């Protein structure tokens, strides 16, 4: 078993990697709200294991296409260079979690290499449910300074139930369903087409954010410029940060603008389909690399009373989360019959 790297054992490579290791402490890249290019989105501590969540060319749910190198680090040691001749601790996609400092190097199919460091003081991560969404009436057009979108002003807005697609240029309120005492805060991210106008997060408290469906330019929380989001599907991700390094992730797809595209909702995910679901039913999952999550739905049957069991690979996790953190792959789910509903 390779021994942990210490500041002494890796002293000869410290100068070469210190800047990179420091920059990787937050696994979000230059704009951590937008999931794009090749990056390590997060490392979660689900079911007693460290599970990376990756974006490959901005696409989620494709962990099986990358390669992983893990190191145990001590005394502030950095991740050693790939050519340093240091034997890694593991090359598996996931590893057992125990208190310690872990360094991860991911090599993507494009040849890009990304690194992240996680210090874990407990293996008991924050307990999470899903992401609850409501509509909320807030200004979207440019405004005067006295109308600024302060937390106090936004708290006064009364949310209403959300159903189906939400118009661009409006707002939704997202809340991560977590145990508050086990959560330091939630970091919010979005994923969607790189060339499309996305959403803007404006956090309300540690676990809640208001989301403008469009791009905003703010000056002291007053809107200077606004541009409505392009219609389509956005994946909202909530990385729940525990106080002792243990993290969990939940996600939910949101349809912006009622277009003609055929979608079905499978748990938290929206999947392209042959027909748009109008009520509850079943569908068969098919691996499709052109689909946003690597999956599409076929053989959609509406009004079927049968309730299929959750995919075995997901265990106790929400299916979308299990797809993002590698517990399930599109290949694992190909041919699985699942319960679906209207978007």
Protein backbone atom coordinates (compact mmCIF):
# COMPACT_ATOMS: atom_id res chain seq x y z
CA UNK A 1 0.00 0.00 0.00
CA UNK A 2 1.53 3.38 -1.00
CA UNK A 3 2.28 5.54 2.01
CA UNK A 4 0.72 9.01 2.41
CA UNK A 5 2.61 11.91 0.89
CA UNK A 6 4.05 14.38 3.39
CA UNK A 7 5.61 17.77 2.91
CA UNK A 8 9.01 16.05 3.35
CA UNK A 9 8.49 13.17 0.91
CA UNK A 10 7.22 15.51 -1.81
CA UNK A 11 9.51 18.49 -1.14
CA UNK A 12 11.19 18.18 -4.55
CA UNK A 13 7.89 18.76 -6.37
CA UNK A 14 6.42 21.38 -4.05
CA UNK A 15 7.36 24.45 -6.08
CA UNK A 16 6.05 22.96 -9.30
CA UNK A 17 2.59 22.22 -7.94
CA UNK A 18 1.91 24.61 -5.07
CA UNK A 19 0.06 27.15 -7.20
CA UNK A 20 -2.06 24.49 -8.89
CA UNK A 21 -2.88 22.70 -5.64
CA UNK A 22 -3.90 25.94 -3.97
CA UNK A 23 -6.11 26.92 -6.90
CA UNK A 24 -7.88 23.55 -6.76
CA UNK A 25 -9.10 23.87 -3.19
CA UNK A 26 -12.45 25.02 -4.59
CA UNK A 27 -13.38 22.55 -7.35
CA UNK A 28 -15.37 24.96 -9.47
CA UNK A 29 -12.90 26.55 -11.90
CA UNK A 30 -12.81 30.22 -12.86
CA UNK A 31 -16.59 30.76 -12.73
CA UNK A 32 -17.84 28.27 -10.21
CA UNK A 33 -21.52 29.03 -10.85
CA UNK A 34 -21.32 27.77 -14.45
CA UNK A 35 -20.55 24.12 -15.19
CA UNK A 36 -18.64 24.17 -18.45
CA UNK A 37 -15.55 22.78 -20.23
CA UNK A 38 -13.70 19.91 -18.48
CA UNK A 39 -13.77 20.28 -14.73
CA UNK A 40 -14.18 18.65 -11.36
CA UNK A 41 -17.51 20.04 -10.23
CA UNK A 42 -17.38 18.53 -6.73
CA UNK A 43 -16.20 15.64 -4.60
CA UNK A 44 -19.05 14.27 -2.51
CA UNK A 45 -19.03 11.90 0.47
CA UNK A 46 -22.04 9.75 -0.29
CA UNK A 47 -22.55 6.29 1.21
CA UNK A 48 -19.12 6.29 2.87
CA UNK A 49 -17.23 6.92 -0.38
CA UNK A 50 -15.54 9.87 -2.07
CA UNK A 51 -17.34 10.36 -5.37
CA UNK A 52 -16.21 12.94 -7.94
CA UNK A 53 -18.81 14.80 -9.99
CA UNK A 54 -17.37 15.76 -13.37
CA UNK A 55 -18.25 17.88 -16.37
CA UNK A 56 -16.79 16.61 -19.65
CA UNK A 57 -16.87 19.42 -22.18
CA UNK A 58 -19.61 20.93 -20.05
CA UNK A 59 -21.71 17.75 -20.00
CA UNK A 60 -22.68 15.92 -16.83
CA UNK A 61 -23.15 12.22 -16.12
CA UNK A 62 -20.12 10.95 -18.04
CA UNK A 63 -17.65 9.97 -15.31
CA UNK A 64 -16.96 6.62 -16.98
CA UNK A 65 -15.06 8.37 -19.78
CA UNK A 66 -12.38 9.89 -17.49
CA UNK A 67 -9.44 8.39 -15.56
CA UNK A 68 -8.74 9.03 -11.88
CA UNK A 69 -5.62 9.17 -9.70
CA UNK A 70 -5.95 9.57 -5.92
CA UNK A 71 -3.26 10.46 -3.37
CA UNK A 72 -3.30 10.59 0.41
CA UNK A 73 -1.72 13.89 1.49
CA UNK A 74 -0.33 14.88 4.90
CA UNK A 75 1.43 17.90 6.42
CA UNK A 76 0.34 20.23 3.64
CA UNK A 77 1.89 18.18 0.84
CA UNK A 78 0.64 19.02 -2.68
CA UNK A 79 -0.47 16.57 -5.35
CA UNK A 80 2.72 15.27 -6.99
CA UNK A 81 3.22 15.71 -10.74
CA UNK A 82 2.23 12.76 -12.89
CA UNK A 83 5.87 12.22 -13.93
CA UNK A 84 7.27 12.30 -10.37
CA UNK A 85 7.26 8.52 -10.07
CA UNK A 86 4.99 8.55 -7.01
CA UNK A 87 2.72 5.52 -6.68
CA UNK A 88 -0.90 6.71 -6.34
CA UNK A 89 -3.12 5.56 -3.50
CA UNK A 90 -5.87 4.48 -5.91
CA UNK A 91 -6.87 4.71 -9.56
CA UNK A 92 -10.51 3.79 -9.00
CA UNK A 93 -13.28 6.34 -9.78
CA UNK A 94 -14.45 6.25 -6.14
CA UNK A 95 -12.58 5.44 -2.94
CA UNK A 96 -13.60 4.65 0.64
CA UNK A 97 -13.96 7.77 2.76
CA UNK A 98 -12.22 8.21 6.10
CA UNK A 99 -10.84 11.33 7.81
CA UNK A 100 -7.79 12.70 5.98
CA UNK A 101 -6.67 14.90 3.09
CA UNK A 102 -7.15 13.56 -0.41
CA UNK A 103 -5.68 14.75 -3.67
CA UNK A 104 -7.43 13.86 -6.93
CA UNK A 105 -6.11 14.18 -10.45
CA UNK A 106 -8.60 13.59 -13.29
CA UNK A 107 -7.51 13.12 -16.88
CA UNK A 108 -10.29 13.85 -19.34
CA UNK A 109 -10.77 12.32 -22.81
CA UNK A 110 -9.72 15.67 -24.31
CA UNK A 111 -6.32 15.34 -22.59
CA UNK A 112 -7.15 18.09 -20.09
CA UNK A 113 -6.00 17.44 -16.51
CA UNK A 114 -7.75 18.88 -13.47
CA UNK A 115 -6.88 18.53 -9.77
CA UNK A 116 -8.72 19.03 -6.50
CA UNK A 117 -7.88 18.62 -2.81
CA UNK A 118 -10.41 17.73 -0.12
CA UNK A 119 -9.77 17.61 3.64
CA UNK A 120 -12.28 15.38 5.38
CA UNK A 121 -12.76 15.38 9.15
CA UNK A 122 -15.85 13.17 9.20
CA UNK A 123 -17.48 10.61 6.96
CA UNK A 124 -20.98 11.68 7.96
CA UNK A 125 -22.07 14.09 5.25
CA UNK A 126 -25.03 16.48 5.33
CA UNK A 127 -28.32 14.68 4.79
CA UNK A 128 -30.06 15.91 1.66
CA UNK A 129 -33.41 15.46 0.01
CA UNK A 130 -33.88 17.32 -3.25
CA UNK A 131 -34.27 20.87 -4.54
CA UNK A 132 -37.66 22.51 -3.96
CA UNK A 133 -38.65 25.15 -6.52
CA UNK A 134 -41.29 27.89 -6.32
CA UNK A 135 -42.08 30.88 -8.49
CA UNK A 136 -41.54 34.29 -6.96
CA UNK A 137 -42.49 37.76 -8.19
CA UNK A 138 -39.38 39.95 -8.37
CA UNK A 139 -38.31 42.73 -10.76
CA UNK A 140 -36.32 41.72 -13.84
CA UNK A 141 -36.08 45.04 -15.71
CA UNK A 142 -33.43 47.70 -14.92
CA UNK A 143 -34.26 49.56 -11.72
CA UNK A 144 -33.36 52.50 -9.51
CA UNK A 145 -30.94 52.01 -6.63
CA UNK A 146 -33.69 52.34 -4.03
CA UNK A 147 -35.40 49.26 -5.53
CA UNK A 148 -32.31 47.07 -5.02
CA UNK A 149 -32.79 43.31 -4.66
CA UNK A 150 -31.63 43.13 -1.06
CA UNK A 151 -32.28 39.99 0.96
CA UNK A 152 -34.82 41.93 3.05
CA UNK A 153 -36.72 43.09 -0.04
CA UNK A 154 -36.73 39.59 -1.54
CA UNK A 155 -37.88 37.99 1.71
CA UNK A 156 -41.08 40.05 1.45
CA UNK A 157 -41.95 38.41 -1.89
CA UNK A 158 -44.54 35.65 -1.58
CA UNK A 159 -43.67 32.44 -3.48
CA UNK A 160 -46.27 30.48 -5.44
CA UNK A 161 -46.31 26.84 -6.65
CA UNK A 162 -44.29 26.05 -9.76
CA UNK A 163 -45.73 23.79 -12.42
CA UNK A 164 -44.20 23.03 -15.80
CA UNK A 165 -42.03 25.39 -17.83
CA UNK A 166 -41.22 28.83 -16.42
CA UNK A 167 -41.10 31.92 -18.70
CA UNK A 168 -37.73 33.58 -19.35
CA UNK A 169 -37.29 36.91 -17.60
CA UNK A 170 -39.00 35.72 -14.40
CA UNK A 171 -37.73 34.35 -11.08
CA UNK A 172 -37.84 31.09 -9.16
CA UNK A 173 -36.77 30.39 -5.58
CA UNK A 174 -34.75 27.22 -4.94
CA UNK A 175 -34.25 25.60 -1.56
CA UNK A 176 -31.99 22.65 -0.86
CA UNK A 177 -33.80 20.21 1.41
CA UNK A 178 -31.08 19.64 4.03
CA UNK A 179 -30.60 19.24 7.76
CA UNK A 180 -29.64 22.82 8.76
CA UNK A 181 -27.40 21.91 11.71
CA UNK A 182 -25.32 19.62 9.46
CA UNK A 183 -24.85 22.27 6.75
CA UNK A 184 -22.51 25.25 6.57
CA UNK A 185 -23.93 26.53 3.30
CA UNK A 186 -25.02 25.57 -0.19
CA UNK A 187 -23.16 26.57 -3.35
CA UNK A 188 -25.36 26.82 -6.41
CA UNK A 189 -24.39 26.00 -9.99
CA UNK A 190 -26.04 25.67 -13.39
CA UNK A 191 -25.40 23.58 -16.48
CA UNK A 192 -26.80 24.08 -19.96
CA UNK A 193 -25.76 24.84 -23.54
CA UNK A 194 -22.56 26.91 -23.46
CA UNK A 195 -23.79 29.38 -26.09
CA UNK A 196 -27.17 30.00 -24.42
CA UNK A 197 -28.12 32.73 -21.95
CA UNK A 198 -28.52 31.00 -18.58
CA UNK A 199 -29.63 32.05 -15.11
CA UNK A 200 -28.36 34.29 -12.31
CA UNK A 201 -28.21 33.20 -8.66
CA UNK A 202 -28.89 35.64 -5.83
CA UNK A 203 -28.58 33.80 -2.52
CA UNK A 204 -31.18 34.47 0.14
CA UNK A 205 -29.77 32.44 3.05
CA UNK A 206 -27.43 29.50 3.64
CA UNK A 207 -29.66 26.99 1.83
CA UNK A 208 -31.92 29.14 -0.37
CA UNK A 209 -31.32 31.17 -3.52
CA UNK A 210 -33.44 33.29 -5.81
CA UNK A 211 -32.78 32.54 -9.49
CA UNK A 212 -33.36 35.08 -12.24
CA UNK A 213 -34.12 33.26 -15.50
CA UNK A 214 -31.69 35.33 -17.48
CA UNK A 215 -28.42 37.25 -17.22
CA UNK A 216 -28.30 40.26 -14.89
CA UNK A 217 -25.76 43.05 -14.50
CA UNK A 218 -26.05 44.32 -10.92
CA UNK A 219 -24.79 47.48 -9.25
CA UNK A 220 -25.12 47.16 -5.45
CA UNK A 221 -27.97 44.69 -6.04
CA UNK A 222 -29.81 47.08 -8.36
CA UNK A 223 -30.36 45.77 -11.90
CA UNK A 224 -28.43 47.77 -14.50
CA UNK A 225 -29.00 45.39 -17.42
CA UNK A 226 -31.07 42.25 -17.95
CA UNK A 227 -31.24 39.68 -20.73
CA UNK A 228 -33.86 36.88 -20.58
CA UNK A 229 -32.66 33.29 -20.63
CA UNK A 230 -32.80 31.28 -23.82
CA UNK A 231 -35.57 28.63 -23.81
CA UNK A 232 -34.43 25.11 -22.96
CA UNK A 233 -33.47 22.97 -20.01
CA UNK A 234 -31.06 24.04 -17.27
CA UNK A 235 -29.69 21.68 -14.64
CA UNK A 236 -29.56 23.36 -11.23
CA UNK A 237 -26.98 21.88 -8.85
CA UNK A 238 -26.73 22.41 -5.10
CA UNK A 239 -23.43 21.43 -3.49
CA UNK A 240 -24.18 21.09 0.21
CA UNK A 241 -21.09 21.86 2.28
CA UNK A 242 -20.86 20.24 5.70
CA UNK A 243 -18.86 21.86 8.52
CA UNK A 244 -16.17 19.13 8.59
CA UNK A 245 -15.43 18.72 4.89
CA UNK A 246 -18.19 16.22 4.04
CA UNK A 247 -20.20 17.34 1.01
CA UNK A 248 -23.30 16.12 -0.78
CA UNK A 249 -24.89 17.11 -4.08
CA UNK A 250 -28.44 17.32 -5.33
CA UNK A 251 -29.66 18.50 -8.71
CA UNK A 252 -32.87 19.27 -10.56
CA UNK A 253 -33.67 20.12 -14.15
CA UNK A 254 -35.73 23.23 -14.91
CA UNK A 255 -37.48 23.87 -18.22
CA UNK A 256 -37.33 27.53 -19.24
CA UNK A 257 -39.92 28.60 -21.80
CA UNK A 258 -42.62 26.29 -23.13
CA UNK A 259 -41.19 25.11 -26.43
CA UNK A 260 -42.10 22.28 -28.78
CA UNK A 261 -39.42 19.90 -27.52
CA UNK A 262 -40.63 16.54 -26.21
CA UNK A 263 -39.51 15.97 -22.60
CA UNK A 264 -40.45 13.63 -19.80
CA UNK A 265 -39.59 14.10 -16.14
CA UNK A 266 -37.81 11.20 -14.48
CA UNK A 267 -37.49 12.07 -10.82
CA UNK A 268 -35.36 15.27 -10.83
CA UNK A 269 -34.22 14.90 -14.47
CA UNK A 270 -35.79 16.03 -17.74
CA UNK A 271 -35.03 13.61 -20.56
CA UNK A 272 -35.62 14.07 -24.30
CA UNK A 273 -38.30 11.68 -25.52
CA UNK A 274 -40.30 10.66 -28.57
CA UNK A 275 -43.40 12.35 -27.18
CA UNK A 276 -43.93 14.89 -24.42
CA UNK A 277 -45.43 13.38 -21.30
CA UNK A 278 -48.75 14.96 -20.30
CA UNK A 279 -49.24 12.95 -17.10
CA UNK A 280 -47.72 10.05 -15.18
CA UNK A 281 -46.66 6.88 -16.98
CA UNK A 282 -43.58 4.81 -17.80
CA UNK A 283 -40.73 4.99 -20.28
CA UNK A 284 -37.65 3.00 -21.24
CA UNK A 285 -34.26 4.65 -20.76
CA UNK A 286 -31.80 4.49 -23.64
CA UNK A 287 -28.16 5.55 -23.65
CA UNK A 288 -27.70 8.46 -26.06
CA UNK A 289 -24.44 10.42 -26.00
CA UNK A 290 -26.11 13.36 -27.76
CA UNK A 291 -28.63 13.78 -24.93
CA UNK A 292 -27.78 16.26 -22.14
CA UNK A 293 -27.32 13.56 -19.48
CA UNK A 294 -26.41 10.76 -21.87
CA UNK A 295 -29.94 9.32 -21.67
CA UNK A 296 -33.19 9.63 -23.58
CA UNK A 297 -36.65 8.15 -22.99
CA UNK A 298 -38.38 5.82 -25.44
CA UNK A 299 -41.62 3.84 -25.48
CA UNK A 300 -43.40 6.45 -23.34
CA UNK A 301 -46.73 5.09 -22.09
CA UNK A 302 -49.06 7.53 -20.34
CA UNK A 303 -51.59 6.39 -17.77
CA UNK A 304 -49.78 3.20 -16.81
CA UNK A 305 -50.42 2.34 -13.17
CA UNK A 306 -47.26 0.27 -12.81
CA UNK A 307 -44.61 1.88 -10.58
CA UNK A 308 -41.19 0.44 -11.50
CA UNK A 309 -38.56 0.03 -8.81
CA UNK A 310 -35.69 2.51 -8.65
CA UNK A 311 -32.56 1.43 -10.56
CA UNK A 312 -30.43 -0.85 -8.31
CA UNK A 313 -27.26 1.12 -9.03
CA UNK A 314 -28.74 4.24 -7.39
CA UNK A 315 -29.11 2.60 -3.99
CA UNK A 316 -30.71 5.13 -1.65
CA UNK A 317 -29.67 8.12 -3.77
CA UNK A 318 -31.92 10.18 -5.97
CA UNK A 319 -31.44 8.86 -9.52
CA UNK A 320 -30.15 12.12 -10.99
CA UNK A 321 -27.58 12.45 -8.20
CA UNK A 322 -26.49 8.82 -8.75
CA UNK A 323 -26.01 9.56 -12.46
CA UNK A 324 -23.92 12.67 -11.75
CA UNK A 325 -21.61 11.10 -9.15
CA UNK A 326 -20.95 7.91 -11.12
CA UNK A 327 -22.96 5.41 -9.10
CA UNK A 328 -25.01 4.85 -12.27
CA UNK A 329 -23.90 5.30 -15.87
CA UNK A 330 -25.96 5.60 -19.02
CA UNK A 331 -24.82 2.09 -19.93
CA UNK A 332 -26.05 0.78 -16.55
CA UNK A 333 -29.48 2.32 -17.13
CA UNK A 334 -29.93 1.44 -20.80
CA UNK A 335 -33.15 -0.56 -21.16
CA UNK A 336 -34.43 0.25 -17.66
CA UNK A 337 -38.16 0.96 -17.39
CA UNK A 338 -38.81 3.92 -15.09
CA UNK A 339 -41.75 5.99 -13.87
CA UNK A 340 -42.09 9.34 -15.64
CA UNK A 341 -44.42 12.31 -15.47
CA UNK A 342 -45.13 15.58 -17.24
CA UNK A 343 -42.22 18.07 -17.23
